Amino acid sequence: MMKYSTEIKKAEIGENGLAKNRGWIKIYMSRDEPPYEYFGATMELVYKGVSVGQYSYIDAPEIPDNDDIAVVRSDDGKQWRYVPDHRGKTVYDTHNRASCTVDYLGEIKTGFTLLAPSTQFDKWDGKKWVTDNQAMKADQINTANQTKHQLIDEAESNITLLDRKVRLGMATNSEKTALRAWEMYSVKLNDIDTASAPDIDWPIKLA
């Protein structure tokens, strides 16, 4: 046996998990709380009759070839496991379409989906989003009715003021022209059938 050596002395671990000799060994570490995700490797100095540190293991995990898989240690600490990793992705509540970001490992929780709804009237049928066209149409008509009433109120307000100025002989020629234009605009608004929403050709309002 040589007096000196430039080699790093390696530790040998017995079947009981204890070191047979003092030396260095490569360990693979997990987080110290569930789900015990793997987070790196390092070298550790162990002494004869002592095991590697807690949450440290001598068996190397197989590194997944895509980011949608996470490496975790089994609850009993005996092996590496591979679970889905959707962290950072957006999921949608299948009851109310509310969105949130995944911050956990494993399968997507029941009641959520990675599929995004296309409208606020989508309902989950167990596999995909289905648009409630009847509810969407009713909302479009309601929105069109509100718009129509707001525009008519604005037009009538302008008509009332301009008509008063005409009757009192206070209107300019441009205001008389504007009165006629507002009246025509108001008539066109009243003629609109909101049942055709959202395909409505709204008349152009005066600047």
N, C-alpha and C. Protein backbone atom coordinates (compact mmCIF):
# COMPACT_ATOMS: atom_id res chain seq x y z
N MET A 1 0.85 -1.20 0.00
CA MET A 1 0.00 0.00 0.00
C MET A 1 0.89 1.25 0.00
N MET A 2 0.58 2.14 -0.92
CA MET A 2 1.40 3.34 -1.05
C MET A 2 1.13 4.32 0.10
N LYS A 3 2.18 5.08 0.43
CA LYS A 3 2.09 6.04 1.52
C LYS A 3 1.15 7.19 1.19
N TYR A 4 1.18 7.64 -0.09
CA TYR A 4 0.37 8.78 -0.51
C TYR A 4 -0.52 8.39 -1.70
N SER A 5 -1.56 9.21 -1.90
CA SER A 5 -2.46 9.00 -3.05
C SER A 5 -3.06 10.32 -3.48
N THR A 6 -3.23 10.50 -4.77
CA THR A 6 -3.88 11.71 -5.30
C THR A 6 -5.36 11.45 -5.61
N GLU A 7 -5.80 10.24 -5.32
CA GLU A 7 -7.20 9.89 -5.59
C GLU A 7 -8.08 10.26 -4.39
N ILE A 8 -9.31 10.63 -4.70
CA ILE A 8 -10.28 10.91 -3.64
C ILE A 8 -10.82 9.57 -3.14
N LYS A 9 -10.75 9.38 -1.85
CA LYS A 9 -11.20 8.11 -1.28
C LYS A 9 -12.73 8.06 -1.30
N LYS A 10 -13.25 7.03 -1.89
CA LYS A 10 -14.70 6.88 -1.99
C LYS A 10 -15.24 6.03 -0.86
N ALA A 11 -16.42 6.39 -0.41
CA ALA A 11 -17.07 5.62 0.64
C ALA A 11 -17.85 4.48 0.00
N GLU A 12 -17.94 3.39 0.72
CA GLU A 12 -18.74 2.26 0.26
C GLU A 12 -19.89 2.08 1.24
N ILE A 13 -21.10 2.03 0.70
CA ILE A 13 -22.29 1.91 1.54
C ILE A 13 -22.74 0.46 1.58
N GLY A 14 -22.97 -0.04 2.77
CA GLY A 14 -23.42 -1.42 2.93
C GLY A 14 -24.91 -1.55 2.72
N GLU A 15 -25.39 -2.79 2.74
CA GLU A 15 -26.82 -3.05 2.54
C GLU A 15 -27.67 -2.44 3.64
N ASN A 16 -27.07 -2.21 4.79
CA ASN A 16 -27.79 -1.60 5.90
C ASN A 16 -27.85 -0.09 5.79
N GLY A 17 -27.29 0.46 4.71
CA GLY A 17 -27.33 1.90 4.48
C GLY A 17 -26.24 2.66 5.19
N LEU A 18 -25.33 1.97 5.87
CA LEU A 18 -24.25 2.62 6.60
C LEU A 18 -22.93 2.48 5.84
N ALA A 19 -22.07 3.46 6.02
CA ALA A 19 -20.78 3.46 5.32
C ALA A 19 -19.85 2.42 5.93
N LYS A 20 -19.16 1.68 5.06
CA LYS A 20 -18.19 0.69 5.52
C LYS A 20 -16.85 1.33 5.82
N ASN A 21 -16.68 2.52 5.29
CA ASN A 21 -15.42 3.23 5.51
C ASN A 21 -15.65 4.73 5.37
N ARG A 22 -14.70 5.50 5.84
CA ARG A 22 -14.78 6.95 5.70
C ARG A 22 -14.40 7.30 4.27
N GLY A 23 -15.20 8.18 3.64
CA GLY A 23 -14.89 8.59 2.28
C GLY A 23 -16.00 9.45 1.68
N TRP A 24 -15.78 9.79 0.43
CA TRP A 24 -16.73 10.65 -0.28
C TRP A 24 -17.66 9.81 -1.15
N ILE A 25 -18.88 10.29 -1.26
CA ILE A 25 -19.85 9.59 -2.10
C ILE A 25 -20.78 10.61 -2.75
N LYS A 26 -21.17 10.33 -3.95
CA LYS A 26 -22.10 11.23 -4.66
C LYS A 26 -23.51 10.95 -4.18
N ILE A 27 -24.20 12.00 -3.78
CA ILE A 27 -25.57 11.83 -3.30
C ILE A 27 -26.54 12.65 -4.16
N TYR A 28 -27.79 12.23 -4.12
CA TYR A 28 -28.86 12.87 -4.89
C TYR A 28 -29.92 13.32 -3.90
N MET A 29 -30.19 14.60 -3.90
CA MET A 29 -31.01 15.18 -2.84
C MET A 29 -32.44 15.49 -3.27
N SER A 30 -33.33 15.44 -2.28
CA SER A 30 -34.73 15.84 -2.51
C SER A 30 -35.07 16.96 -1.54
N ARG A 31 -36.15 17.65 -1.82
CA ARG A 31 -36.64 18.66 -0.88
C ARG A 31 -37.04 17.96 0.41
N ASP A 32 -37.12 18.75 1.49
CA ASP A 32 -37.41 18.14 2.79
C ASP A 32 -38.89 18.13 3.16
N GLU A 33 -39.75 18.38 2.16
CA GLU A 33 -41.18 18.31 2.42
C GLU A 33 -41.88 17.76 1.19
N PRO A 34 -43.06 17.15 1.39
CA PRO A 34 -43.78 16.56 0.24
C PRO A 34 -43.97 17.59 -0.86
N PRO A 35 -43.88 17.16 -2.12
CA PRO A 35 -43.71 15.77 -2.59
C PRO A 35 -42.25 15.34 -2.74
N TYR A 36 -41.34 15.94 -1.99
CA TYR A 36 -39.93 15.53 -1.99
C TYR A 36 -39.30 15.56 -3.39
N GLU A 37 -39.41 16.72 -4.01
CA GLU A 37 -38.89 16.86 -5.37
C GLU A 37 -37.36 16.84 -5.39
N TYR A 38 -36.82 16.19 -6.38
CA TYR A 38 -35.37 16.14 -6.57
C TYR A 38 -34.86 17.54 -6.91
N PHE A 39 -33.70 17.92 -6.33
CA PHE A 39 -33.20 19.25 -6.68
C PHE A 39 -31.70 19.31 -6.91
N GLY A 40 -31.00 18.16 -6.97
CA GLY A 40 -29.60 18.24 -7.35
C GLY A 40 -28.73 17.16 -6.72
N ALA A 41 -27.50 17.13 -7.20
CA ALA A 41 -26.52 16.16 -6.71
C ALA A 41 -25.31 16.89 -6.16
N THR A 42 -24.60 16.23 -5.26
CA THR A 42 -23.38 16.80 -4.68
C THR A 42 -22.53 15.66 -4.11
N MET A 43 -21.36 16.00 -3.65
CA MET A 43 -20.51 15.02 -2.98
C MET A 43 -20.63 15.21 -1.47
N GLU A 44 -20.67 14.11 -0.75
CA GLU A 44 -20.80 14.18 0.71
C GLU A 44 -19.75 13.29 1.37
N LEU A 45 -19.16 13.81 2.42
CA LEU A 45 -18.20 13.03 3.18
C LEU A 45 -18.94 12.27 4.28
N VAL A 46 -18.83 10.95 4.24
CA VAL A 46 -19.50 10.14 5.27
C VAL A 46 -18.43 9.37 6.06
N TYR A 47 -18.79 9.06 7.28
CA TYR A 47 -17.86 8.35 8.16
C TYR A 47 -18.31 6.91 8.35
N LYS A 48 -17.39 6.07 8.67
CA LYS A 48 -17.67 4.65 8.85
C LYS A 48 -18.78 4.47 9.88
N GLY A 49 -19.76 3.66 9.50
CA GLY A 49 -20.87 3.37 10.40
C GLY A 49 -21.96 4.42 10.39
N VAL A 50 -21.84 5.40 9.49
CA VAL A 50 -22.83 6.49 9.42
C VAL A 50 -23.48 6.48 8.04
N SER A 51 -24.74 6.86 7.98
CA SER A 51 -25.45 6.92 6.70
C SER A 51 -25.31 8.31 6.09
N VAL A 52 -25.74 8.44 4.85
CA VAL A 52 -25.78 9.77 4.23
C VAL A 52 -26.87 10.57 4.91
N GLY A 53 -26.85 11.89 4.67
CA GLY A 53 -27.79 12.77 5.35
C GLY A 53 -29.25 12.51 4.98
N GLN A 54 -30.13 13.06 5.81
CA GLN A 54 -31.56 12.92 5.56
C GLN A 54 -31.94 13.60 4.24
N TYR A 55 -32.83 12.98 3.51
CA TYR A 55 -33.27 13.46 2.20
C TYR A 55 -32.14 13.41 1.17
N SER A 56 -31.15 12.57 1.44
CA SER A 56 -30.06 12.33 0.49
C SER A 56 -30.04 10.85 0.16
N TYR A 57 -29.76 10.54 -1.11
CA TYR A 57 -29.83 9.14 -1.55
C TYR A 57 -28.66 8.84 -2.48
N ILE A 58 -28.28 7.57 -2.55
CA ILE A 58 -27.12 7.21 -3.38
C ILE A 58 -27.53 6.68 -4.75
N ASP A 59 -28.82 6.43 -4.94
CA ASP A 59 -29.28 5.98 -6.26
C ASP A 59 -29.66 7.19 -7.11
N ALA A 60 -29.13 7.25 -8.31
CA ALA A 60 -29.36 8.41 -9.19
C ALA A 60 -30.72 8.30 -9.88
N PRO A 61 -31.45 9.41 -9.94
CA PRO A 61 -32.72 9.39 -10.67
C PRO A 61 -32.46 9.45 -12.17
N GLU A 62 -33.41 8.98 -12.91
CA GLU A 62 -33.33 9.11 -14.37
C GLU A 62 -33.94 10.47 -14.73
N ILE A 63 -33.20 11.31 -15.40
CA ILE A 63 -33.66 12.66 -15.70
C ILE A 63 -34.63 12.64 -16.88
N PRO A 64 -35.86 13.17 -16.71
CA PRO A 64 -36.85 13.20 -17.80
C PRO A 64 -36.34 14.04 -18.97
N ASP A 65 -36.82 13.71 -20.15
CA ASP A 65 -36.39 14.45 -21.34
C ASP A 65 -37.34 15.59 -21.70
N ASN A 66 -38.33 15.87 -20.84
CA ASN A 66 -39.20 17.03 -21.08
C ASN A 66 -39.59 17.65 -19.75
N ASP A 67 -39.99 18.93 -19.81
CA ASP A 67 -40.28 19.69 -18.60
C ASP A 67 -41.65 19.40 -18.00
N ASP A 68 -42.43 18.55 -18.62
CA ASP A 68 -43.75 18.23 -18.09
C ASP A 68 -43.73 17.06 -17.11
N ILE A 69 -42.53 16.60 -16.78
CA ILE A 69 -42.37 15.51 -15.82
C ILE A 69 -41.45 15.99 -14.69
N ALA A 70 -41.83 15.70 -13.45
CA ALA A 70 -41.01 16.05 -12.30
C ALA A 70 -40.52 14.78 -11.62
N VAL A 71 -39.33 14.86 -11.03
CA VAL A 71 -38.75 13.74 -10.30
C VAL A 71 -38.97 13.97 -8.80
N VAL A 72 -39.56 13.01 -8.13
CA VAL A 72 -39.80 13.12 -6.69
C VAL A 72 -39.39 11.81 -6.01
N ARG A 73 -39.13 11.90 -4.72
CA ARG A 73 -38.81 10.69 -3.96
C ARG A 73 -40.10 10.12 -3.40
N SER A 74 -40.20 8.81 -3.40
CA SER A 74 -41.39 8.16 -2.85
C SER A 74 -41.50 8.48 -1.36
N ASP A 75 -42.71 8.41 -0.83
CA ASP A 75 -42.93 8.75 0.58
C ASP A 75 -42.10 7.88 1.52
N ASP A 76 -41.84 6.64 1.12
CA ASP A 76 -41.04 5.76 1.99
C ASP A 76 -39.54 5.94 1.77
N GLY A 77 -39.17 6.83 0.83
CA GLY A 77 -37.76 7.13 0.59
C GLY A 77 -36.98 6.05 -0.12
N LYS A 78 -37.67 5.06 -0.69
CA LYS A 78 -36.97 3.93 -1.29
C LYS A 78 -36.67 4.07 -2.78
N GLN A 79 -37.37 4.97 -3.45
CA GLN A 79 -37.15 5.06 -4.90
C GLN A 79 -37.56 6.43 -5.43
N TRP A 80 -37.10 6.73 -6.63
CA TRP A 80 -37.50 7.96 -7.32
C TRP A 80 -38.76 7.68 -8.11
N ARG A 81 -39.65 8.64 -8.14
CA ARG A 81 -40.90 8.52 -8.88
C ARG A 81 -40.98 9.68 -9.88
N TYR A 82 -41.87 9.51 -10.86
CA TYR A 82 -42.01 10.52 -11.91
C TYR A 82 -43.48 10.91 -12.01
N VAL A 83 -43.75 12.19 -11.83
CA VAL A 83 -45.13 12.68 -11.80
C VAL A 83 -45.28 13.84 -12.78
N PRO A 84 -46.52 14.10 -13.24
CA PRO A 84 -46.75 15.23 -14.14
C PRO A 84 -46.37 16.55 -13.46
N ASP A 85 -45.83 17.45 -14.24
CA ASP A 85 -45.46 18.78 -13.74
C ASP A 85 -46.12 19.84 -14.61
N HIS A 86 -47.22 20.40 -14.10
CA HIS A 86 -47.96 21.44 -14.83
C HIS A 86 -47.77 22.82 -14.20
N ARG A 87 -46.80 22.94 -13.30
CA ARG A 87 -46.61 24.22 -12.62
C ARG A 87 -46.39 25.36 -13.60
N GLY A 88 -47.04 26.48 -13.30
CA GLY A 88 -46.92 27.65 -14.16
C GLY A 88 -47.95 27.70 -15.27
N LYS A 89 -48.66 26.59 -15.47
CA LYS A 89 -49.68 26.57 -16.52
C LYS A 89 -51.00 27.10 -15.97
N THR A 90 -51.84 27.58 -16.87
CA THR A 90 -53.15 28.10 -16.49
C THR A 90 -54.19 26.99 -16.62
N VAL A 91 -55.00 26.83 -15.57
CA VAL A 91 -56.10 25.88 -15.60
C VAL A 91 -57.40 26.63 -15.36
N TYR A 92 -58.51 25.99 -15.71
CA TYR A 92 -59.81 26.66 -15.64
C TYR A 92 -60.79 25.81 -14.84
N ASP A 93 -61.51 26.48 -13.94
CA ASP A 93 -62.53 25.81 -13.12
C ASP A 93 -63.67 25.40 -14.04
N THR A 94 -64.01 24.11 -14.04
CA THR A 94 -65.05 23.62 -14.95
C THR A 94 -66.45 24.03 -14.51
N HIS A 95 -66.57 24.65 -13.34
CA HIS A 95 -67.89 25.09 -12.88
C HIS A 95 -68.17 26.55 -13.22
N ASN A 96 -67.12 27.38 -13.15
CA ASN A 96 -67.35 28.81 -13.38
C ASN A 96 -66.35 29.46 -14.35
N ARG A 97 -65.47 28.65 -14.95
CA ARG A 97 -64.50 29.12 -15.95
C ARG A 97 -63.39 29.99 -15.36
N ALA A 98 -63.37 30.17 -14.04
CA ALA A 98 -62.32 30.99 -13.43
C ALA A 98 -60.95 30.36 -13.66
N SER A 99 -59.97 31.20 -13.91
CA SER A 99 -58.62 30.70 -14.19
C SER A 99 -57.70 30.86 -12.99
N CYS A 100 -56.71 29.99 -12.90
CA CYS A 100 -55.69 30.10 -11.87
C CYS A 100 -54.43 29.40 -12.38
N THR A 101 -53.33 29.64 -11.72
CA THR A 101 -52.05 29.07 -12.14
C THR A 101 -51.70 27.86 -11.27
N VAL A 102 -51.29 26.79 -11.90
CA VAL A 102 -50.94 25.57 -11.17
C VAL A 102 -49.66 25.80 -10.36
N ASP A 103 -49.70 25.45 -9.07
CA ASP A 103 -48.52 25.62 -8.21
C ASP A 103 -48.20 24.33 -7.46
N TYR A 104 -48.62 23.20 -8.02
CA TYR A 104 -48.40 21.91 -7.36
C TYR A 104 -47.97 20.87 -8.40
N LEU A 105 -47.40 19.77 -7.92
CA LEU A 105 -47.00 18.67 -8.79
C LEU A 105 -48.10 17.61 -8.84
N GLY A 106 -48.14 16.86 -9.92
CA GLY A 106 -49.13 15.80 -10.04
C GLY A 106 -50.19 16.13 -11.07
N GLU A 107 -51.17 15.24 -11.15
CA GLU A 107 -52.26 15.43 -12.10
C GLU A 107 -53.06 16.69 -11.77
N ILE A 108 -53.68 17.26 -12.79
CA ILE A 108 -54.55 18.42 -12.59
C ILE A 108 -55.69 18.02 -11.66
N LYS A 109 -55.99 18.86 -10.69
CA LYS A 109 -57.02 18.53 -9.71
C LYS A 109 -58.39 18.39 -10.36
N THR A 110 -59.22 17.54 -9.77
CA THR A 110 -60.58 17.34 -10.25
C THR A 110 -61.33 18.67 -10.23
N GLY A 111 -62.09 18.93 -11.29
CA GLY A 111 -62.83 20.18 -11.36
C GLY A 111 -62.10 21.27 -12.11
N PHE A 112 -60.92 20.94 -12.66
CA PHE A 112 -60.14 21.91 -13.42
C PHE A 112 -59.67 21.28 -14.73
N THR A 113 -59.39 22.11 -15.71
CA THR A 113 -58.91 21.62 -17.00
C THR A 113 -57.90 22.60 -17.59
N LEU A 114 -57.00 22.06 -18.40
CA LEU A 114 -56.04 22.90 -19.10
C LEU A 114 -56.66 23.54 -20.33
N LEU A 115 -57.83 23.04 -20.74
CA LEU A 115 -58.50 23.58 -21.92
C LEU A 115 -59.15 24.91 -21.58
N ALA A 116 -58.89 25.92 -22.39
CA ALA A 116 -59.44 27.25 -22.14
C ALA A 116 -60.82 27.40 -22.78
N PRO A 117 -61.80 27.96 -22.05
CA PRO A 117 -63.10 28.23 -22.66
C PRO A 117 -62.95 29.34 -23.69
N SER A 118 -63.78 29.31 -24.72
CA SER A 118 -63.67 30.32 -25.78
C SER A 118 -64.60 31.51 -25.55
N THR A 119 -65.64 31.32 -24.75
CA THR A 119 -66.58 32.42 -24.46
C THR A 119 -67.01 32.34 -23.00
N GLN A 120 -67.64 33.40 -22.53
CA GLN A 120 -68.15 33.41 -21.16
C GLN A 120 -69.42 32.57 -21.02
N PHE A 121 -69.87 32.01 -22.13
CA PHE A 121 -71.09 31.19 -22.12
C PHE A 121 -70.78 29.71 -22.29
N ASP A 122 -69.51 29.36 -22.18
CA ASP A 122 -69.12 27.95 -22.31
C ASP A 122 -69.46 27.17 -21.04
N LYS A 123 -69.89 25.93 -21.24
CA LYS A 123 -70.18 25.02 -20.13
C LYS A 123 -69.40 23.73 -20.37
N TRP A 124 -68.93 23.14 -19.29
CA TRP A 124 -68.13 21.93 -19.37
C TRP A 124 -69.04 20.71 -19.44
N ASP A 125 -68.82 19.87 -20.46
CA ASP A 125 -69.67 18.68 -20.61
C ASP A 125 -69.00 17.41 -20.10
N GLY A 126 -67.88 17.59 -19.40
CA GLY A 126 -67.16 16.44 -18.87
C GLY A 126 -65.89 16.14 -19.64
N LYS A 127 -65.84 16.61 -20.89
CA LYS A 127 -64.66 16.37 -21.73
C LYS A 127 -64.17 17.64 -22.41
N LYS A 128 -65.10 18.55 -22.68
CA LYS A 128 -64.73 19.77 -23.41
C LYS A 128 -65.72 20.88 -23.08
N TRP A 129 -65.37 22.10 -23.50
CA TRP A 129 -66.25 23.25 -23.33
C TRP A 129 -67.25 23.28 -24.48
N VAL A 130 -68.50 23.54 -24.16
CA VAL A 130 -69.56 23.66 -25.16
C VAL A 130 -70.24 25.01 -24.96
N THR A 131 -70.31 25.80 -26.01
CA THR A 131 -70.91 27.13 -25.90
C THR A 131 -72.43 27.05 -25.85
N ASP A 132 -73.01 27.74 -24.87
CA ASP A 132 -74.47 27.85 -24.76
C ASP A 132 -74.89 28.98 -25.68
N ASN A 133 -75.18 28.64 -26.93
CA ASN A 133 -75.50 29.65 -27.94
C ASN A 133 -76.75 30.45 -27.60
N GLN A 134 -77.70 29.81 -26.95
CA GLN A 134 -78.94 30.51 -26.59
C GLN A 134 -78.66 31.61 -25.57
N ALA A 135 -77.86 31.29 -24.56
CA ALA A 135 -77.51 32.29 -23.55
C ALA A 135 -76.66 33.40 -24.16
N MET A 136 -75.75 33.03 -25.07
CA MET A 136 -74.90 34.03 -25.71
C MET A 136 -75.74 34.98 -26.57
N LYS A 137 -76.72 34.43 -27.30
CA LYS A 137 -77.59 35.25 -28.14
C LYS A 137 -78.41 36.21 -27.29
N ALA A 138 -78.94 35.72 -26.18
CA ALA A 138 -79.74 36.56 -25.29
C ALA A 138 -78.91 37.71 -24.75
N ASP A 139 -77.66 37.44 -24.40
CA ASP A 139 -76.78 38.48 -23.89
C ASP A 139 -76.45 39.50 -24.97
N GLN A 140 -76.24 39.04 -26.19
CA GLN A 140 -75.95 39.95 -27.30
C GLN A 140 -77.12 40.87 -27.57
N ILE A 141 -78.33 40.33 -27.50
CA ILE A 141 -79.53 41.15 -27.71
C ILE A 141 -79.68 42.16 -26.59
N ASN A 142 -79.44 41.72 -25.36
CA ASN A 142 -79.55 42.62 -24.21
C ASN A 142 -78.54 43.76 -24.32
N THR A 143 -77.32 43.44 -24.72
CA THR A 143 -76.29 44.46 -24.89
C THR A 143 -76.68 45.44 -25.99
N ALA A 144 -77.23 44.92 -27.09
CA ALA A 144 -77.66 45.77 -28.20
C ALA A 144 -78.79 46.69 -27.77
N ASN A 145 -79.72 46.18 -26.96
CA ASN A 145 -80.83 47.01 -26.47
C ASN A 145 -80.32 48.15 -25.60
N GLN A 146 -79.35 47.84 -24.74
CA GLN A 146 -78.78 48.88 -23.88
C GLN A 146 -78.09 49.95 -24.72
N THR A 147 -77.33 49.50 -25.72
CA THR A 147 -76.64 50.45 -26.60
C THR A 147 -77.65 51.31 -27.35
N LYS A 148 -78.69 50.68 -27.86
CA LYS A 148 -79.72 51.40 -28.61
C LYS A 148 -80.37 52.47 -27.75
N HIS A 149 -80.74 52.12 -26.53
CA HIS A 149 -81.41 53.09 -25.65
C HIS A 149 -80.48 54.24 -25.28
N GLN A 150 -79.21 53.93 -25.04
CA GLN A 150 -78.25 54.99 -24.70
C GLN A 150 -78.07 55.96 -25.86
N LEU A 151 -77.96 55.42 -27.07
CA LEU A 151 -77.78 56.27 -28.25
C LEU A 151 -79.03 57.11 -28.54
N ILE A 152 -80.20 56.50 -28.35
CA ILE A 152 -81.45 57.25 -28.57
C ILE A 152 -81.58 58.37 -27.55
N ASP A 153 -81.26 58.08 -26.28
CA ASP A 153 -81.33 59.11 -25.24
C ASP A 153 -80.41 60.28 -25.58
N GLU A 154 -79.22 59.96 -26.07
CA GLU A 154 -78.27 61.01 -26.45
C GLU A 154 -78.81 61.83 -27.62
N ALA A 155 -79.37 61.14 -28.60
CA ALA A 155 -79.92 61.83 -29.78
C ALA A 155 -81.08 62.73 -29.38
N GLU A 156 -81.99 62.21 -28.56
CA GLU A 156 -83.17 62.99 -28.17
C GLU A 156 -82.78 64.20 -27.33
N SER A 157 -81.72 64.07 -26.55
CA SER A 157 -81.25 65.21 -25.75
C SER A 157 -80.77 66.32 -26.67
N ASN A 158 -80.03 65.96 -27.71
CA ASN A 158 -79.55 66.95 -28.67
C ASN A 158 -80.70 67.55 -29.47
N ILE A 159 -81.66 66.70 -29.85
CA ILE A 159 -82.82 67.16 -30.63
C ILE A 159 -83.63 68.17 -29.83
N THR A 160 -83.85 67.86 -28.55
CA THR A 160 -84.65 68.75 -27.69
C THR A 160 -84.03 70.14 -27.61
N LEU A 161 -82.71 70.20 -27.40
CA LEU A 161 -82.04 71.48 -27.28
C LEU A 161 -82.05 72.25 -28.59
N LEU A 162 -81.73 71.56 -29.70
CA LEU A 162 -81.69 72.23 -31.00
C LEU A 162 -83.08 72.68 -31.43
N ASP A 163 -84.10 71.87 -31.17
CA ASP A 163 -85.47 72.24 -31.53
C ASP A 163 -85.91 73.48 -30.76
N ARG A 164 -85.51 73.57 -29.52
CA ARG A 164 -85.88 74.74 -28.71
C ARG A 164 -85.22 76.00 -29.28
N LYS A 165 -83.98 75.88 -29.71
CA LYS A 165 -83.28 77.03 -30.28
C LYS A 165 -83.93 77.46 -31.59
N VAL A 166 -84.41 76.48 -32.38
CA VAL A 166 -85.09 76.81 -33.63
C VAL A 166 -86.39 77.54 -33.33
N ARG A 167 -87.17 77.03 -32.38
CA ARG A 167 -88.46 77.64 -32.05
C ARG A 167 -88.30 79.05 -31.50
N LEU A 168 -87.22 79.28 -30.82
CA LEU A 168 -86.98 80.60 -30.24
C LEU A 168 -86.23 81.52 -31.18
N GLY A 169 -85.95 81.03 -32.38
CA GLY A 169 -85.25 81.85 -33.36
C GLY A 169 -83.80 82.11 -33.00
N MET A 170 -83.22 81.20 -32.22
CA MET A 170 -81.85 81.39 -31.76
C MET A 170 -80.86 80.45 -32.46
N ALA A 171 -81.35 79.60 -33.36
CA ALA A 171 -80.49 78.60 -34.00
C ALA A 171 -79.76 79.18 -35.20
N THR A 172 -78.51 78.77 -35.36
CA THR A 172 -77.75 79.14 -36.55
C THR A 172 -78.11 78.17 -37.67
N ASN A 173 -77.68 78.47 -38.88
CA ASN A 173 -77.97 77.57 -40.00
C ASN A 173 -77.35 76.18 -39.77
N SER A 174 -76.16 76.17 -39.22
CA SER A 174 -75.50 74.88 -38.96
C SER A 174 -76.26 74.09 -37.90
N GLU A 175 -76.84 74.78 -36.94
CA GLU A 175 -77.61 74.10 -35.90
C GLU A 175 -78.93 73.56 -36.46
N LYS A 176 -79.52 74.29 -37.42
CA LYS A 176 -80.74 73.79 -38.06
C LYS A 176 -80.43 72.52 -38.86
N THR A 177 -79.28 72.54 -39.52
CA THR A 177 -78.86 71.35 -40.26
C THR A 177 -78.59 70.18 -39.31
N ALA A 178 -77.99 70.51 -38.18
CA ALA A 178 -77.67 69.48 -37.19
C ALA A 178 -78.94 68.88 -36.62
N LEU A 179 -79.98 69.71 -36.42
CA LEU A 179 -81.25 69.21 -35.90
C LEU A 179 -81.83 68.15 -36.82
N ARG A 180 -81.83 68.44 -38.11
CA ARG A 180 -82.37 67.48 -39.07
C ARG A 180 -81.54 66.19 -39.07
N ALA A 181 -80.23 66.35 -38.97
CA ALA A 181 -79.36 65.17 -38.97
C ALA A 181 -79.58 64.31 -37.73
N TRP A 182 -79.74 64.97 -36.57
CA TRP A 182 -79.99 64.22 -35.34
C TRP A 182 -81.34 63.51 -35.39
N GLU A 183 -82.33 64.16 -35.98
CA GLU A 183 -83.66 63.54 -36.09
C GLU A 183 -83.61 62.31 -37.00
N MET A 184 -82.88 62.42 -38.10
CA MET A 184 -82.75 61.28 -39.01
C MET A 184 -81.99 60.14 -38.32
N TYR A 185 -80.97 60.52 -37.57
CA TYR A 185 -80.18 59.54 -36.82
C TYR A 185 -81.04 58.82 -35.80
N SER A 186 -81.89 59.58 -35.10
CA SER A 186 -82.78 59.00 -34.09
C SER A 186 -83.77 58.03 -34.71
N VAL A 187 -84.31 58.39 -35.87
CA VAL A 187 -85.27 57.52 -36.56
C VAL A 187 -84.59 56.20 -36.96
N LYS A 188 -83.38 56.32 -37.48
CA LYS A 188 -82.64 55.12 -37.88
C LYS A 188 -82.37 54.21 -36.68
N LEU A 189 -82.07 54.82 -35.54
CA LEU A 189 -81.84 54.03 -34.33
C LEU A 189 -83.10 53.29 -33.92
N ASN A 190 -84.22 53.98 -33.97
CA ASN A 190 -85.49 53.35 -33.58
C ASN A 190 -85.87 52.20 -34.50
N ASP A 191 -85.42 52.27 -35.74
CA ASP A 191 -85.76 51.23 -36.72
C ASP A 191 -84.90 49.97 -36.57
N ILE A 192 -83.87 50.05 -35.76
CA ILE A 192 -82.96 48.90 -35.61
C ILE A 192 -83.64 47.75 -34.88
N ASP A 193 -83.52 46.55 -35.45
CA ASP A 193 -84.05 45.33 -34.82
C ASP A 193 -82.90 44.66 -34.07
N THR A 194 -82.93 44.77 -32.75
CA THR A 194 -81.82 44.23 -31.95
C THR A 194 -81.79 42.70 -31.95
N ALA A 195 -82.81 42.07 -32.47
CA ALA A 195 -82.82 40.60 -32.54
C ALA A 195 -81.75 40.08 -33.47
N SER A 196 -81.22 40.96 -34.32
CA SER A 196 -80.18 40.55 -35.26
C SER A 196 -78.78 40.67 -34.65
N ALA A 197 -78.71 41.08 -33.38
CA ALA A 197 -77.41 41.22 -32.71
C ALA A 197 -76.66 39.89 -32.75
N PRO A 198 -75.34 39.92 -32.89
CA PRO A 198 -74.48 41.12 -32.87
C PRO A 198 -74.26 41.73 -34.25
N ASP A 199 -74.95 41.20 -35.27
CA ASP A 199 -74.75 41.70 -36.63
C ASP A 199 -75.65 42.91 -36.90
N ILE A 200 -75.31 44.02 -36.27
CA ILE A 200 -76.10 45.25 -36.40
C ILE A 200 -75.24 46.32 -37.06
N ASP A 201 -75.80 46.97 -38.06
CA ASP A 201 -75.12 48.07 -38.75
C ASP A 201 -75.60 49.37 -38.13
N TRP A 202 -74.91 49.81 -37.10
CA TRP A 202 -75.33 51.01 -36.38
C TRP A 202 -75.13 52.25 -37.26
N PRO A 203 -76.11 53.18 -37.24
CA PRO A 203 -75.96 54.41 -38.03
C PRO A 203 -74.81 55.25 -37.47
N ILE A 204 -74.21 56.03 -38.35
CA ILE A 204 -73.07 56.85 -37.93
C ILE A 204 -73.56 58.07 -37.16
N LYS A 205 -73.01 58.25 -35.96
CA LYS A 205 -73.41 59.37 -35.12
C LYS A 205 -72.70 60.64 -35.56
N LEU A 206 -73.37 61.77 -35.36
CA LEU A 206 -72.77 63.06 -35.71
C LEU A 206 -71.53 63.29 -34.86
N ALA A 207 -70.53 63.89 -35.48
CA ALA A 207 -69.29 64.17 -34.76
C ALA A 207 -69.52 65.28 -33.74
